């Protein structure tokens, strides 16, 4: 897979905003998540004969079923989550879609250790003017720094409101 984000200009309008898109998590993190989910499923199947002999109430089986569904669901989203910067809007697909506009940001904090970016995705903490907090993850930190630059330009008054 290509580590660098895909850049394009939508439409034919020369004034159209630059669009950057990438996976939300680096390939190593996605591979590790897939290996862990598959390993847990394999272990569960291997343990199934012993589990069938156990005399547990239905509530216990329900908890195991819910836990299995949560593990598979989160693993799916780690593997398939995407992040997109289009103009002044940063969007990440996740269990729910996270979306933030540069004009509504009060504070940013970029967490990125270049020497760990293969196993820990760069992330951006965004605090809105109303106090809400959102974390964005990107396999390529350029999307997050691009959004931070747009927020800085807007707060300095160089972009129209």
N, C-alpha and C. Protein backbone atom coordinates (compact mmCIF):
# COMPACT_ATOMS: atom_id res chain seq x y z
N UNK A 1 0.83 -1.18 0.00
CA UNK A 1 0.00 0.00 0.00
C UNK A 1 0.87 1.24 0.00
N UNK A 2 0.40 2.26 -0.59
CA UNK A 2 1.13 3.50 -0.66
C UNK A 2 0.97 4.26 0.65
N UNK A 3 2.11 4.63 1.28
CA UNK A 3 2.07 5.32 2.56
C UNK A 3 1.68 6.78 2.41
N UNK A 4 2.05 7.38 1.32
CA UNK A 4 1.78 8.81 1.14
C UNK A 4 0.31 9.03 0.81
N UNK A 5 -0.22 10.18 1.23
CA UNK A 5 -1.63 10.44 0.95
C UNK A 5 -1.86 10.71 -0.51
N UNK A 6 -3.06 10.45 -0.94
CA UNK A 6 -3.43 10.73 -2.31
C UNK A 6 -3.90 12.17 -2.38
N UNK A 7 -3.38 12.92 -3.35
CA UNK A 7 -3.78 14.31 -3.51
C UNK A 7 -4.48 14.46 -4.85
N UNK A 8 -5.53 15.25 -4.84
CA UNK A 8 -6.25 15.50 -6.08
C UNK A 8 -6.95 16.83 -5.97
N UNK A 9 -7.35 17.34 -7.10
CA UNK A 9 -8.15 18.55 -7.13
C UNK A 9 -9.49 18.17 -7.75
N UNK A 10 -10.57 18.25 -6.95
CA UNK A 10 -11.87 17.85 -7.48
C UNK A 10 -12.36 18.80 -8.56
N UNK A 11 -13.07 18.26 -9.53
CA UNK A 11 -13.65 19.08 -10.59
C UNK A 11 -12.60 19.70 -11.49
N UNK A 12 -13.01 20.64 -12.28
CA UNK A 12 -12.09 21.30 -13.19
C UNK A 12 -11.80 22.72 -12.76
N UNK A 13 -12.43 23.19 -11.71
CA UNK A 13 -12.25 24.54 -11.22
C UNK A 13 -10.83 24.71 -10.65
N UNK A 14 -10.08 25.70 -11.14
CA UNK A 14 -8.73 25.90 -10.67
C UNK A 14 -8.69 26.41 -9.23
N UNK A 15 -9.79 26.90 -8.70
CA UNK A 15 -9.85 27.39 -7.33
C UNK A 15 -10.32 26.30 -6.36
N UNK A 16 -10.51 25.09 -6.82
CA UNK A 16 -10.99 24.02 -5.96
C UNK A 16 -9.93 23.70 -4.90
N UNK A 17 -10.35 23.36 -3.69
CA UNK A 17 -9.40 23.08 -2.62
C UNK A 17 -8.65 21.77 -2.85
N UNK A 18 -7.43 21.73 -2.35
CA UNK A 18 -6.62 20.53 -2.43
C UNK A 18 -7.24 19.47 -1.53
N UNK A 19 -7.30 18.24 -2.01
CA UNK A 19 -7.86 17.14 -1.24
C UNK A 19 -6.75 16.14 -0.96
N UNK A 20 -6.52 15.85 0.32
CA UNK A 20 -5.55 14.85 0.74
C UNK A 20 -6.30 13.74 1.45
N UNK A 21 -5.93 12.49 1.16
CA UNK A 21 -6.61 11.36 1.78
C UNK A 21 -5.59 10.27 2.05
N UNK A 22 -5.77 9.57 3.16
CA UNK A 22 -4.86 8.51 3.53
C UNK A 22 -5.57 7.56 4.49
N UNK A 23 -4.92 6.44 4.76
CA UNK A 23 -5.42 5.55 5.80
C UNK A 23 -5.24 6.24 7.14
N UNK A 24 -6.09 5.93 8.09
CA UNK A 24 -5.99 6.55 9.41
C UNK A 24 -4.87 5.91 10.24
N UNK A 25 -4.54 4.67 9.97
CA UNK A 25 -3.53 3.97 10.74
C UNK A 25 -2.46 3.43 9.80
N UNK A 26 -1.20 3.40 10.24
CA UNK A 26 -0.11 2.89 9.39
C UNK A 26 -0.28 1.39 9.10
N UNK A 27 0.36 0.92 8.04
CA UNK A 27 0.23 -0.50 7.67
C UNK A 27 0.59 -1.47 8.79
N UNK A 28 1.61 -1.16 9.58
CA UNK A 28 2.00 -2.07 10.66
C UNK A 28 0.90 -2.18 11.72
N UNK A 29 0.24 -1.08 12.04
CA UNK A 29 -0.84 -1.10 13.02
C UNK A 29 -2.03 -1.88 12.47
N UNK A 30 -2.35 -1.67 11.20
CA UNK A 30 -3.47 -2.40 10.61
C UNK A 30 -3.18 -3.89 10.54
N UNK A 31 -1.94 -4.25 10.19
CA UNK A 31 -1.57 -5.67 10.14
C UNK A 31 -1.62 -6.29 11.54
N UNK A 32 -1.15 -5.55 12.54
CA UNK A 32 -1.19 -6.06 13.90
C UNK A 32 -2.63 -6.23 14.38
N UNK A 33 -3.50 -5.29 14.07
CA UNK A 33 -4.91 -5.40 14.46
C UNK A 33 -5.55 -6.61 13.78
N UNK A 34 -5.27 -6.80 12.49
CA UNK A 34 -5.83 -7.96 11.78
C UNK A 34 -5.30 -9.26 12.38
N UNK A 35 -4.00 -9.31 12.71
CA UNK A 35 -3.43 -10.52 13.30
C UNK A 35 -4.04 -10.81 14.66
N UNK A 36 -4.26 -9.77 15.46
CA UNK A 36 -4.85 -9.97 16.78
C UNK A 36 -6.29 -10.47 16.68
N UNK A 37 -7.08 -9.87 15.80
CA UNK A 37 -8.48 -10.31 15.64
C UNK A 37 -8.52 -11.74 15.12
N UNK A 38 -7.72 -12.04 14.11
CA UNK A 38 -7.71 -13.41 13.58
C UNK A 38 -7.18 -14.39 14.62
N UNK A 39 -6.18 -14.00 15.39
CA UNK A 39 -5.65 -14.86 16.44
C UNK A 39 -6.69 -15.15 17.52
N UNK A 40 -7.42 -14.11 17.92
CA UNK A 40 -8.47 -14.31 18.92
C UNK A 40 -9.59 -15.20 18.39
N UNK A 41 -9.96 -15.00 17.13
CA UNK A 41 -10.99 -15.85 16.53
C UNK A 41 -10.50 -17.30 16.44
N UNK A 42 -9.24 -17.48 16.04
CA UNK A 42 -8.67 -18.83 15.96
C UNK A 42 -8.62 -19.51 17.32
N UNK A 43 -8.20 -18.75 18.34
CA UNK A 43 -8.16 -19.31 19.69
C UNK A 43 -9.56 -19.65 20.17
N UNK A 44 -10.54 -18.80 19.84
CA UNK A 44 -11.92 -19.09 20.22
C UNK A 44 -12.43 -20.36 19.58
N UNK A 45 -12.13 -20.53 18.28
CA UNK A 45 -12.55 -21.76 17.60
C UNK A 45 -11.84 -22.98 18.18
N UNK A 46 -10.56 -22.84 18.49
CA UNK A 46 -9.79 -23.95 19.08
C UNK A 46 -10.34 -24.31 20.46
N UNK A 47 -10.82 -23.30 21.21
CA UNK A 47 -11.35 -23.52 22.56
C UNK A 47 -12.82 -23.95 22.58
N UNK A 48 -13.48 -23.86 21.45
CA UNK A 48 -14.92 -24.13 21.40
C UNK A 48 -15.31 -25.50 21.98
N UNK A 49 -14.60 -26.59 21.67
CA UNK A 49 -15.00 -27.87 22.28
C UNK A 49 -14.98 -27.84 23.81
N UNK A 50 -13.98 -27.20 24.39
CA UNK A 50 -13.92 -27.12 25.86
C UNK A 50 -15.00 -26.19 26.40
N UNK A 51 -15.29 -25.13 25.67
CA UNK A 51 -16.31 -24.19 26.12
C UNK A 51 -17.70 -24.81 26.09
N UNK A 52 -17.92 -25.72 25.14
CA UNK A 52 -19.24 -26.36 25.05
C UNK A 52 -19.54 -27.25 26.24
N UNK A 53 -18.50 -27.79 26.86
CA UNK A 53 -18.72 -28.66 28.02
C UNK A 53 -18.98 -27.86 29.30
N UNK A 54 -18.67 -26.56 29.28
CA UNK A 54 -18.91 -25.72 30.45
C UNK A 54 -20.41 -25.47 30.61
N UNK A 55 -20.82 -25.40 31.86
CA UNK A 55 -22.23 -25.18 32.16
C UNK A 55 -22.41 -23.73 32.63
N UNK A 56 -22.47 -22.82 31.66
CA UNK A 56 -22.59 -21.41 31.97
C UNK A 56 -24.00 -20.91 31.64
N UNK A 57 -24.46 -19.90 32.38
CA UNK A 57 -25.78 -19.34 32.08
C UNK A 57 -25.77 -18.59 30.74
N UNK A 58 -26.94 -18.35 30.23
CA UNK A 58 -27.06 -17.66 28.94
C UNK A 58 -26.46 -16.26 28.98
N UNK A 59 -26.50 -15.59 30.13
CA UNK A 59 -25.93 -14.25 30.24
C UNK A 59 -24.43 -14.27 29.99
N UNK A 60 -23.74 -15.30 30.44
CA UNK A 60 -22.29 -15.42 30.20
C UNK A 60 -22.01 -15.57 28.72
N UNK A 61 -22.79 -16.40 28.04
CA UNK A 61 -22.62 -16.57 26.60
C UNK A 61 -22.92 -15.27 25.86
N UNK A 62 -23.90 -14.53 26.35
CA UNK A 62 -24.24 -13.25 25.73
C UNK A 62 -23.07 -12.26 25.87
N UNK A 63 -22.44 -12.24 27.04
CA UNK A 63 -21.28 -11.36 27.25
C UNK A 63 -20.15 -11.74 26.30
N UNK A 64 -19.88 -13.04 26.15
CA UNK A 64 -18.84 -13.49 25.21
C UNK A 64 -19.19 -13.11 23.77
N UNK A 65 -20.45 -13.25 23.42
CA UNK A 65 -20.88 -12.88 22.07
C UNK A 65 -20.73 -11.39 21.81
N UNK A 66 -21.11 -10.58 22.79
CA UNK A 66 -20.97 -9.12 22.65
C UNK A 66 -19.50 -8.73 22.57
N UNK A 67 -18.65 -9.36 23.41
CA UNK A 67 -17.22 -9.08 23.37
C UNK A 67 -16.63 -9.44 22.01
N UNK A 68 -17.04 -10.57 21.47
CA UNK A 68 -16.56 -10.98 20.14
C UNK A 68 -16.99 -9.98 19.08
N UNK A 69 -18.23 -9.54 19.13
CA UNK A 69 -18.72 -8.56 18.15
C UNK A 69 -17.94 -7.25 18.26
N UNK A 70 -17.65 -6.80 19.47
CA UNK A 70 -16.89 -5.55 19.67
C UNK A 70 -15.47 -5.68 19.13
N UNK A 71 -14.82 -6.80 19.39
CA UNK A 71 -13.45 -7.02 18.91
C UNK A 71 -13.41 -7.00 17.39
N UNK A 72 -14.32 -7.70 16.76
CA UNK A 72 -14.36 -7.74 15.29
C UNK A 72 -14.70 -6.37 14.72
N UNK A 73 -15.64 -5.66 15.33
CA UNK A 73 -16.08 -4.35 14.84
C UNK A 73 -14.94 -3.32 14.91
N UNK A 74 -14.26 -3.24 16.05
CA UNK A 74 -13.15 -2.29 16.19
C UNK A 74 -11.99 -2.69 15.28
N UNK A 75 -11.71 -3.97 15.17
CA UNK A 75 -10.66 -4.43 14.25
C UNK A 75 -10.95 -4.04 12.82
N UNK A 76 -12.21 -4.17 12.42
CA UNK A 76 -12.62 -3.77 11.07
C UNK A 76 -12.34 -2.28 10.84
N UNK A 77 -12.70 -1.44 11.81
CA UNK A 77 -12.53 0.00 11.63
C UNK A 77 -11.08 0.43 11.71
N UNK A 78 -10.26 -0.25 12.50
CA UNK A 78 -8.82 0.06 12.50
C UNK A 78 -8.26 -0.24 11.11
N UNK A 79 -8.69 -1.33 10.54
CA UNK A 79 -8.17 -1.74 9.23
C UNK A 79 -8.69 -0.85 8.10
N UNK A 80 -9.93 -0.38 8.18
CA UNK A 80 -10.55 0.33 7.06
C UNK A 80 -10.73 1.83 7.25
N UNK A 81 -10.37 2.37 8.40
CA UNK A 81 -10.58 3.80 8.66
C UNK A 81 -9.74 4.66 7.72
N UNK A 82 -10.35 5.72 7.20
CA UNK A 82 -9.68 6.67 6.30
C UNK A 82 -9.80 8.08 6.85
N UNK A 83 -8.84 8.92 6.51
CA UNK A 83 -8.89 10.32 6.90
C UNK A 83 -8.74 11.17 5.65
N UNK A 84 -9.46 12.29 5.61
CA UNK A 84 -9.50 13.13 4.41
C UNK A 84 -9.49 14.59 4.82
N UNK A 85 -8.62 15.35 4.16
CA UNK A 85 -8.58 16.80 4.34
C UNK A 85 -9.01 17.42 3.03
N UNK A 86 -10.14 18.10 3.07
CA UNK A 86 -10.68 18.76 1.88
C UNK A 86 -10.95 20.22 2.23
N UNK A 87 -10.10 21.09 1.70
CA UNK A 87 -10.23 22.51 2.03
C UNK A 87 -9.95 22.72 3.51
N UNK A 88 -10.94 23.18 4.25
CA UNK A 88 -10.80 23.43 5.68
C UNK A 88 -11.53 22.40 6.53
N UNK A 89 -11.89 21.27 5.93
CA UNK A 89 -12.65 20.24 6.66
C UNK A 89 -11.81 18.97 6.76
N UNK A 90 -11.63 18.49 7.99
CA UNK A 90 -10.92 17.25 8.25
C UNK A 90 -11.96 16.20 8.65
N UNK A 91 -11.97 15.07 7.95
CA UNK A 91 -12.96 14.02 8.19
C UNK A 91 -12.26 12.69 8.35
N UNK A 92 -12.68 11.91 9.35
CA UNK A 92 -12.15 10.57 9.53
C UNK A 92 -13.30 9.60 9.70
N UNK A 93 -13.29 8.53 8.92
CA UNK A 93 -14.27 7.47 9.11
C UNK A 93 -13.79 6.61 10.26
N UNK A 94 -14.71 6.24 11.12
CA UNK A 94 -14.39 5.44 12.29
C UNK A 94 -15.68 4.78 12.71
N UNK A 95 -15.83 4.33 13.94
CA UNK A 95 -17.09 3.75 14.39
C UNK A 95 -18.22 4.72 14.07
N UNK A 96 -17.92 5.99 14.14
CA UNK A 96 -18.79 7.09 13.71
C UNK A 96 -17.88 8.01 12.91
N UNK A 97 -18.42 8.80 12.03
CA UNK A 97 -17.59 9.70 11.23
C UNK A 97 -17.29 10.95 12.04
N UNK A 98 -16.00 11.26 12.14
CA UNK A 98 -15.55 12.46 12.86
C UNK A 98 -15.27 13.54 11.83
N UNK A 99 -15.77 14.74 12.07
CA UNK A 99 -15.61 15.84 11.10
C UNK A 99 -15.37 17.13 11.88
N UNK A 100 -14.38 17.90 11.42
CA UNK A 100 -14.07 19.16 12.07
C UNK A 100 -13.76 20.22 11.03
N UNK A 101 -14.26 21.42 11.24
CA UNK A 101 -13.99 22.55 10.35
C UNK A 101 -12.99 23.48 11.02
N UNK A 102 -12.07 24.02 10.24
CA UNK A 102 -11.01 24.87 10.77
C UNK A 102 -11.56 26.07 11.53
N UNK A 103 -12.67 26.62 11.10
CA UNK A 103 -13.23 27.79 11.74
C UNK A 103 -13.81 27.56 13.12
N UNK A 104 -14.03 26.31 13.51
CA UNK A 104 -14.62 26.00 14.80
C UNK A 104 -13.61 25.54 15.84
N UNK A 105 -12.32 25.57 15.47
CA UNK A 105 -11.27 25.05 16.34
C UNK A 105 -10.75 26.13 17.27
N UNK A 106 -10.64 25.79 18.56
CA UNK A 106 -10.09 26.72 19.54
C UNK A 106 -8.64 26.36 19.88
N UNK A 107 -8.30 25.05 19.85
CA UNK A 107 -6.98 24.61 20.25
C UNK A 107 -6.64 23.31 19.55
N UNK A 108 -5.36 23.14 19.21
CA UNK A 108 -4.87 21.91 18.58
C UNK A 108 -3.67 21.39 19.35
N UNK A 109 -3.50 20.07 19.32
CA UNK A 109 -2.30 19.46 19.87
C UNK A 109 -1.93 18.28 18.99
N UNK A 110 -0.78 18.36 18.34
CA UNK A 110 -0.30 17.28 17.47
C UNK A 110 0.61 16.36 18.28
N UNK A 111 0.30 15.08 18.27
CA UNK A 111 1.11 14.07 18.94
C UNK A 111 1.72 13.21 17.84
N UNK A 112 3.03 13.36 17.66
CA UNK A 112 3.69 12.66 16.56
C UNK A 112 5.16 12.45 16.91
N UNK A 113 5.55 11.20 17.01
CA UNK A 113 6.95 10.84 17.19
C UNK A 113 7.38 10.15 15.92
N UNK A 114 8.18 10.83 15.12
CA UNK A 114 8.57 10.32 13.81
C UNK A 114 9.19 8.93 13.90
N UNK A 115 9.98 8.67 14.93
CA UNK A 115 10.66 7.39 15.06
C UNK A 115 9.72 6.26 15.49
N UNK A 116 8.48 6.59 15.85
CA UNK A 116 7.49 5.57 16.20
C UNK A 116 6.30 5.53 15.24
N UNK A 117 6.35 6.31 14.15
CA UNK A 117 5.15 6.45 13.32
C UNK A 117 4.73 5.17 12.60
N UNK A 118 5.61 4.17 12.53
CA UNK A 118 5.22 2.91 11.90
C UNK A 118 4.32 2.07 12.80
N UNK A 119 4.40 2.29 14.12
CA UNK A 119 3.58 1.50 15.05
C UNK A 119 2.61 2.36 15.86
N UNK A 120 2.76 3.68 15.80
CA UNK A 120 1.86 4.58 16.51
C UNK A 120 1.51 5.72 15.55
N UNK A 121 0.27 5.75 15.12
CA UNK A 121 -0.10 6.75 14.12
C UNK A 121 -0.08 8.15 14.72
N UNK A 122 0.38 9.12 13.93
CA UNK A 122 0.30 10.51 14.38
C UNK A 122 -1.17 10.86 14.64
N UNK A 123 -1.41 11.66 15.65
CA UNK A 123 -2.79 12.02 15.98
C UNK A 123 -2.87 13.49 16.37
N UNK A 124 -4.04 14.02 16.18
CA UNK A 124 -4.29 15.43 16.43
C UNK A 124 -5.47 15.56 17.38
N UNK A 125 -5.25 16.24 18.50
CA UNK A 125 -6.32 16.53 19.44
C UNK A 125 -6.89 17.88 19.03
N UNK A 126 -8.19 17.90 18.75
CA UNK A 126 -8.86 19.13 18.33
C UNK A 126 -9.88 19.50 19.40
N UNK A 127 -9.73 20.71 19.95
CA UNK A 127 -10.70 21.22 20.93
C UNK A 127 -11.50 22.31 20.23
N UNK A 128 -12.81 22.13 20.18
CA UNK A 128 -13.69 23.11 19.55
C UNK A 128 -13.94 24.28 20.49
N UNK A 129 -14.50 25.32 19.93
CA UNK A 129 -14.83 26.51 20.73
C UNK A 129 -15.85 26.21 21.82
N UNK A 130 -16.69 25.19 21.60
CA UNK A 130 -17.69 24.83 22.61
C UNK A 130 -17.14 23.85 23.65
N UNK A 131 -15.85 23.50 23.57
CA UNK A 131 -15.21 22.63 24.55
C UNK A 131 -15.14 21.17 24.17
N UNK A 132 -15.83 20.76 23.11
CA UNK A 132 -15.80 19.36 22.67
C UNK A 132 -14.39 19.00 22.18
N UNK A 133 -13.99 17.76 22.42
CA UNK A 133 -12.66 17.28 22.03
C UNK A 133 -12.81 16.11 21.07
N UNK A 134 -11.99 16.10 20.03
CA UNK A 134 -11.97 15.01 19.05
C UNK A 134 -10.53 14.65 18.74
N UNK A 135 -10.23 13.35 18.65
CA UNK A 135 -8.92 12.87 18.24
C UNK A 135 -9.02 12.40 16.79
N UNK A 136 -8.05 12.79 15.98
CA UNK A 136 -7.94 12.33 14.60
C UNK A 136 -6.62 11.59 14.45
N UNK A 137 -6.65 10.44 13.78
CA UNK A 137 -5.45 9.65 13.51
C UNK A 137 -5.18 9.67 12.01
N UNK A 138 -3.90 9.69 11.63
CA UNK A 138 -3.54 9.66 10.21
C UNK A 138 -2.24 8.89 10.04
N UNK A 139 -2.19 8.02 9.06
CA UNK A 139 -0.95 7.31 8.77
C UNK A 139 0.11 8.28 8.27
N UNK A 140 -0.30 9.38 7.70
CA UNK A 140 0.63 10.40 7.21
C UNK A 140 0.34 11.71 7.93
N UNK A 141 1.32 12.20 8.66
CA UNK A 141 1.13 13.41 9.49
C UNK A 141 0.88 14.65 8.65
N UNK A 142 1.16 14.62 7.34
CA UNK A 142 0.95 15.81 6.51
C UNK A 142 -0.52 16.23 6.47
N UNK A 143 -1.44 15.31 6.60
CA UNK A 143 -2.86 15.68 6.65
C UNK A 143 -3.16 16.49 7.91
N UNK A 144 -2.60 16.05 9.02
CA UNK A 144 -2.86 16.73 10.29
C UNK A 144 -2.17 18.09 10.33
N UNK A 145 -0.93 18.16 9.85
CA UNK A 145 -0.25 19.45 9.84
C UNK A 145 -0.89 20.40 8.83
N UNK A 146 -1.40 19.86 7.73
CA UNK A 146 -2.12 20.69 6.76
C UNK A 146 -3.37 21.31 7.38
N UNK A 147 -4.09 20.53 8.16
CA UNK A 147 -5.27 21.06 8.84
C UNK A 147 -4.86 22.10 9.88
N UNK A 148 -3.78 21.83 10.62
CA UNK A 148 -3.30 22.78 11.62
C UNK A 148 -2.89 24.10 10.97
N UNK A 149 -2.28 24.02 9.79
CA UNK A 149 -1.91 25.25 9.07
C UNK A 149 -3.15 26.04 8.67
N UNK A 150 -4.19 25.37 8.25
CA UNK A 150 -5.43 26.06 7.88
C UNK A 150 -6.07 26.73 9.10
N UNK A 151 -6.02 26.06 10.26
CA UNK A 151 -6.54 26.64 11.49
C UNK A 151 -5.73 27.88 11.86
N UNK A 152 -4.40 27.80 11.74
CA UNK A 152 -3.54 28.94 12.07
C UNK A 152 -3.80 30.12 11.14
N UNK A 153 -3.93 29.85 9.85
CA UNK A 153 -4.20 30.93 8.89
C UNK A 153 -5.54 31.59 9.19
N UNK A 154 -6.53 30.78 9.54
CA UNK A 154 -7.86 31.33 9.84
C UNK A 154 -7.80 32.17 11.11
N UNK A 155 -7.09 31.71 12.12
CA UNK A 155 -7.03 32.47 13.37
C UNK A 155 -6.21 33.75 13.22
N UNK A 156 -5.28 33.78 12.25
CA UNK A 156 -4.50 34.99 12.00
C UNK A 156 -5.25 35.95 11.07
N UNK A 157 -6.38 35.52 10.55
CA UNK A 157 -7.19 36.39 9.71
C UNK A 157 -6.79 36.40 8.25
N UNK A 158 -5.98 35.44 7.81
CA UNK A 158 -5.57 35.43 6.40
C UNK A 158 -6.54 34.66 5.51
N UNK A 159 -7.51 33.98 6.11
CA UNK A 159 -8.53 33.26 5.34
C UNK A 159 -9.89 33.90 5.58
N UNK A 160 -10.77 33.90 4.59
CA UNK A 160 -12.11 34.46 4.81
C UNK A 160 -12.90 33.60 5.77
N UNK A 161 -13.76 34.23 6.53
CA UNK A 161 -14.59 33.49 7.51
C UNK A 161 -15.81 33.01 6.86
